[in-house]
Amino acid sequence: MAPQVLTKATGETTSITDLQFYKDTIAGLTASPKYLNSKYFYDAHGDKLFQDLMNCEEYYPTNCEMEIFTNQTADICEALIGNGDAFDLIELGAGDATKSTKLLKYLMDNKADFSYLPIDISENVISYLNMTLPVILPGIDITGLNGDYFDMLKKAADISDKRKVVMFLGSNIGNMPVADAEQFCNELRKHLSPGDMVLIGVDLKKNPATVLAAYNDKEGITKRFNINLLERMNRELGANFDVNQFDHYAMYDPETGACKSYLVSQAEQRVMIGSELISFAKDEYIYMEISQKYTIEQTDEMACKSGFKPLAHFSDSKGWFLDAIWQAV
């Protein structure tokens, strides 16, 4: 049975299908300043909105990385294949695997000895990949893993002792502040052995107007993507957000490379979430996510500080995006 939470306002119980989601939500919205965990963006609705966002005119990272994977497929794959030994190709935050499918096809066409293990927190994504990739790429050896990255990396290590090649694409590393990203890379290194590799996608610093437009698109997809998290709370946690009372705000600091998104309360209001009553002042904000930008030199430094050696850099024609290969030392 799903956990029950007593609702103070009515004295009734509300079914909470994901207790960790509830706990993380309450922790964030009772903090000062308020925040929400961006990993909860990705339910079925959020997945669809993110696909829409990746296809919108202003959102350049997807097209830049797709250009890299389209034009430099062979060079990337040959670097990952190394001396030709068997390996597990593990993708963190696989999404719909559109970009990685180009690499998978090349590896299969060239008889590389590998297994594909996509990891995603979205059960919807893993179900989709398990069903569709064997149709798109007949004969692929795929084992989808649904859960947090490091829990699933441990599971992947239990599945086989083959060399690991971890892909972390789409500038997912940018979804963390710099200190957290460095800590993430240190933790990632702990789960790998010397000789294992990482293929990491990083959004590079560029004209501030270009960056900001990508997170404040004129169609309002980014706004709907952020607002969907409030709607998800309404659906799954029994919350009563009036989403029309929140607006989206994005900012970019070219000096630090931090692009941040917020939801701003348009009025003084109260929201019930399970047994908790959350108050919002007019113009109070909820910190939603960060998209950190780097220079190539900063990515090399982060690799070295966390126990990796930078092996190769692959950039798009505009120099806006980087896919780097690191090797664990």
Foldseek 3Di string as FASTA:
>chain_A
DADWFQAPVPRDTDGFNDVVQLVQQVVQLVDVQHAHDQLLLDEPVLLVLVVVLCPDDLQCLNVFLLQLCVPVLVVVLCVQCDPQFEEEEEEEACRQVPSVVSNVVVCVVVVRRYAYEYEGQYPVNQVNCVPPVCVVPPPHHYDYHHDDDVVVLVVVCVVDVGAYEYEYEPLPLQFDQPVVSLVVLLSVLVSHDFFHKYWYKAFAQDPQVSVQCSCCPPVCSNFVSQLVSVVVLCVRQVKDDPSVQWTKDWDADSVQQKIWIKIFGQAFDWMTGRHDIRTDHHRRIYTYTIRGHHHPVVVQVSQVVNQWHWDDWTGGPVRRMITTMIGGD
